[in-house]
Amino acid sequence: MRKFGMLAVVMAVGTGLISGCSSTPDGTSAPTASSSAPASTAPGSSPTPSPDTETTVPAPAPATSRPGSGPGQGNAELAITVVPSPGAPGVSYTLVCSSGQPSPESSHPGAAAACAALKANPAIAAPAEPGPSQPCTQQYGGPQTATVTGMVDGVAVESKFARTNGCEISAWNAAKDVLGASGGAS
C-alpha cells in the first residue's frame, strides 16, 4: 500500500507540473494552437495567411514596365519575333546580353549591335504608347510586325512593334538593331 501511496503522490505532482505548463500566470487555461485553425483576422478584413502557408494560387507574373531611358547596364534576356507580312512565318531570335556584350547563347544575327543599343538606351525595347496629345503621321511603313518579350536591366518587357503610322515607324527605327534586319525593314 505504501508503494501505491507514493505512486499517487508522484502522479499528482506530475499532473500539477503539466497543467502548470498549459495555464497562464493567473491560473486560467491558455488557448492551444491548432494547425487547422484559420489565420487571424481583424474585423472587416480578409484572413492573412502566414508567410509559410502553401497556397494553390500561382504567384502573379511580374508586372511589365518600361526600362529607363539613357545609358543602362546592358543586361538583357529577350525573345524577339519579327513577322515580315501577315500570314508569313515569323523569324525568331534570342538575345542575351551581359554588360552590353552578347552572350554565346544569343541567336540574334546582329547581337553585338543589339546589345550595344540596349546598353545605350534600354527604353527602346519597350517604347511608350503615344499619348492623346501626341500626333502620329498617317503614313504606312510596311506590313512588318515584331514582338519583344523578356527582361532588360531587371525590368520585364513585353512590346509589340509595327510600321503602320509615323509613331510606330519611329519606335521601329529606334529599335532596329534589337529587332534585326529581318522582315524587309531597315
Protein backbone atom coordinates (compact mmCIF):
# COMPACT_ATOMS: atom_id res chain seq x y z
CA MET A 1 0.00 0.00 0.00
CA ARG A 2 2.91 2.28 0.72
CA LYS A 3 4.15 1.95 -2.89
CA PHE A 4 0.69 2.79 -4.16
CA GLY A 5 0.57 5.95 -1.99
CA MET A 6 3.99 7.03 -3.24
CA LEU A 7 2.95 6.45 -6.88
CA ALA A 8 -0.18 8.52 -6.37
CA VAL A 9 1.88 11.39 -4.98
CA VAL A 10 4.31 11.29 -7.92
CA MET A 11 1.42 11.27 -10.41
CA ALA A 12 -0.29 14.16 -8.65
CA VAL A 13 2.89 16.24 -8.72
CA GLY A 14 3.47 15.36 -12.38
CA THR A 15 -0.10 16.28 -13.29
CA GLY A 16 0.29 19.59 -11.47
CA LEU A 17 3.50 20.36 -13.34
CA ILE A 18 1.98 19.52 -16.69
CA SER A 19 -1.15 21.54 -16.05
CA GLY A 20 1.05 24.39 -14.83
CA CYS A 21 2.72 24.45 -18.22
CA SER A 22 -0.58 24.92 -20.03
CA SER A 23 -2.02 27.70 -17.94
CA THR A 24 -1.44 31.42 -17.73
CA PRO A 25 0.16 33.03 -14.65
CA ASP A 26 -3.29 33.76 -13.18
CA GLY A 27 -4.18 30.02 -13.29
CA THR A 28 -6.57 30.07 -16.27
CA SER A 29 -6.07 27.73 -19.20
CA ALA A 30 -4.05 29.07 -22.12
CA PRO A 31 -5.51 28.63 -25.60
CA THR A 32 -3.83 25.94 -27.63
CA ALA A 33 -2.76 26.37 -31.25
CA SER A 34 -4.13 24.07 -33.87
CA SER A 35 -2.58 23.54 -37.26
CA SER A 36 -6.03 23.68 -38.84
CA ALA A 37 -7.03 26.95 -37.15
CA PRO A 38 -7.73 29.78 -39.58
CA ALA A 39 -5.37 32.73 -39.74
CA SER A 40 -6.24 35.63 -37.50
CA THR A 41 -8.29 38.42 -38.96
CA ALA A 42 -9.15 41.91 -37.97
CA PRO A 43 -12.81 42.90 -38.08
CA GLY A 44 -13.80 43.74 -41.65
CA SER A 45 -10.67 42.26 -43.25
CA SER A 46 -9.87 39.04 -45.02
CA PRO A 47 -7.65 36.33 -43.50
CA THR A 48 -3.93 36.77 -43.94
CA PRO A 49 -2.00 33.51 -44.26
CA SER A 50 1.35 33.19 -42.59
CA PRO A 51 4.40 33.51 -44.87
CA ASP A 52 4.92 29.75 -44.58
CA THR A 53 1.41 28.86 -45.76
CA GLU A 54 1.30 27.00 -49.05
CA THR A 55 -1.40 28.02 -51.46
CA THR A 56 -2.78 26.59 -54.66
CA VAL A 57 -2.96 30.01 -56.28
CA PRO A 58 0.07 30.74 -58.50
CA ALA A 59 2.10 33.85 -57.80
CA PRO A 60 1.32 36.76 -60.10
CA ALA A 61 3.64 37.33 -63.03
CA PRO A 62 5.96 40.29 -62.69
CA ALA A 63 4.41 43.45 -63.98
CA THR A 64 5.80 44.60 -67.26
CA SER A 65 7.24 48.03 -67.15
CA ARG A 66 9.42 50.34 -69.12
CA PRO A 67 13.19 50.36 -68.66
CA GLY A 68 14.74 53.75 -68.07
CA SER A 69 15.93 55.88 -70.95
CA GLY A 70 19.53 56.93 -71.18
CA PRO A 71 22.52 54.66 -70.55
CA GLY A 72 21.72 51.36 -68.88
CA GLN A 73 23.57 48.33 -67.58
CA GLY A 74 23.35 46.44 -70.87
CA ASN A 75 21.87 43.27 -69.36
CA ALA A 76 19.08 41.61 -71.31
CA GLU A 77 17.38 38.29 -71.99
CA LEU A 78 14.95 38.74 -74.85
CA ALA A 79 12.88 36.66 -77.23
CA ILE A 80 12.32 38.59 -80.46
CA THR A 81 9.95 37.55 -83.26
CA VAL A 82 9.69 39.50 -86.49
CA VAL A 83 6.86 38.75 -88.93
CA PRO A 84 7.63 40.19 -92.40
CA SER A 85 3.98 40.21 -93.57
CA PRO A 86 0.59 38.89 -92.48
CA GLY A 87 0.46 35.13 -92.89
CA ALA A 88 4.23 34.81 -93.34
CA PRO A 89 6.18 32.73 -90.85
CA GLY A 90 7.88 34.71 -88.12
CA VAL A 91 11.64 34.82 -87.65
CA SER A 92 12.64 34.34 -84.01
CA TYR A 93 15.83 35.32 -82.24
CA THR A 94 17.16 35.05 -78.73
CA LEU A 95 19.24 37.93 -77.47
CA VAL A 96 21.22 37.60 -74.24
CA CYS A 97 23.47 40.48 -73.21
CA SER A 98 25.73 40.93 -70.22
CA SER A 99 27.14 44.42 -69.62
CA GLY A 100 26.42 45.36 -73.22
CA GLN A 101 28.16 42.32 -74.70
CA PRO A 102 26.37 39.39 -76.37
CA SER A 103 26.45 36.01 -74.67
CA PRO A 104 27.19 32.85 -76.68
CA GLU A 105 23.58 31.61 -76.36
CA SER A 106 22.31 34.55 -78.44
CA SER A 107 20.93 33.58 -81.86
CA HIS A 108 20.40 37.19 -82.94
CA PRO A 109 22.14 37.97 -86.27
CA GLY A 110 23.44 41.34 -85.04
CA ALA A 111 23.84 40.57 -81.35
CA ALA A 112 26.77 42.94 -80.74
CA ALA A 113 24.92 45.94 -82.21
CA ALA A 114 21.69 44.98 -80.41
CA CYS A 115 23.42 44.69 -77.01
CA ALA A 116 25.23 48.00 -77.55
CA ALA A 117 21.91 49.68 -78.47
CA LEU A 118 20.23 48.31 -75.32
CA LYS A 119 23.11 49.50 -73.15
CA ALA A 120 22.93 52.98 -74.70
CA ASN A 121 19.14 53.21 -74.24
CA PRO A 122 17.25 50.28 -72.63
CA ALA A 123 13.89 52.03 -73.19
CA ILE A 124 14.00 51.22 -76.92
CA ALA A 125 12.90 47.66 -76.04
CA ALA A 126 9.62 48.99 -74.61
CA PRO A 127 8.57 52.22 -76.33
CA ALA A 128 5.94 54.35 -74.63
CA GLU A 129 2.48 54.47 -76.19
CA PRO A 130 1.80 57.83 -77.80
CA GLY A 131 -0.39 60.00 -75.59
CA PRO A 132 -3.58 61.68 -76.76
CA SER A 133 -1.73 64.94 -77.32
CA GLN A 134 0.98 63.32 -79.49
CA PRO A 135 0.02 63.33 -83.16
CA CYS A 136 1.20 60.45 -85.30
CA THR A 137 1.54 60.97 -89.02
CA GLN A 138 -0.71 58.71 -91.03
CA GLN A 139 1.94 57.11 -93.19
CA TYR A 140 2.47 53.45 -93.89
CA GLY A 141 5.94 51.98 -93.45
CA GLY A 142 5.19 48.37 -94.31
CA PRO A 143 3.42 45.24 -93.05
CA GLN A 144 6.18 44.12 -90.67
CA THR A 145 5.37 43.43 -87.03
CA ALA A 146 7.58 42.34 -84.15
CA THR A 147 7.25 41.28 -80.53
CA VAL A 148 9.90 41.60 -77.84
CA THR A 149 9.50 39.83 -74.51
CA GLY A 150 11.87 39.23 -71.63
CA MET A 151 13.98 41.31 -69.26
CA VAL A 152 16.12 44.39 -69.79
CA ASP A 153 18.24 45.58 -66.87
CA GLY A 154 15.99 43.65 -64.47
CA VAL A 155 12.73 45.10 -65.82
CA ALA A 156 10.18 42.83 -67.51
CA VAL A 157 9.23 43.98 -71.00
CA GLU A 158 6.55 42.84 -73.42
CA SER A 159 6.37 45.05 -76.51
CA LYS A 160 4.78 44.99 -79.93
CA PHE A 161 6.20 46.88 -82.87
CA ALA A 162 4.59 47.73 -86.22
CA ARG A 163 5.10 50.17 -89.06
CA THR A 164 1.55 51.42 -89.68
CA ASN A 165 1.97 55.08 -88.68
CA GLY A 166 4.70 57.64 -88.02
CA CYS A 167 4.93 56.94 -84.27
CA GLU A 168 5.28 53.19 -84.81
CA ILE A 169 7.82 53.69 -87.60
CA SER A 170 9.86 55.90 -85.27
CA ALA A 171 9.80 53.28 -82.49
CA TRP A 172 10.77 50.56 -85.02
CA ASN A 173 13.68 52.64 -86.32
CA ALA A 174 14.92 53.34 -82.78
CA ALA A 175 14.89 49.61 -82.02
CA LYS A 176 16.08 48.41 -85.45
CA ASP A 177 19.31 46.92 -84.06
CA VAL A 178 17.33 44.96 -81.47
CA LEU A 179 14.67 43.86 -83.96
CA GLY A 180 17.27 42.75 -86.51
CA ALA A 181 17.25 43.25 -90.26
CA SER A 182 14.58 40.60 -90.91
CA GLY A 183 11.29 41.49 -92.48
CA GLY A 184 12.50 43.88 -95.12
CA ALA A 185 12.54 46.92 -92.82
CA SER A 186 15.84 48.59 -92.22
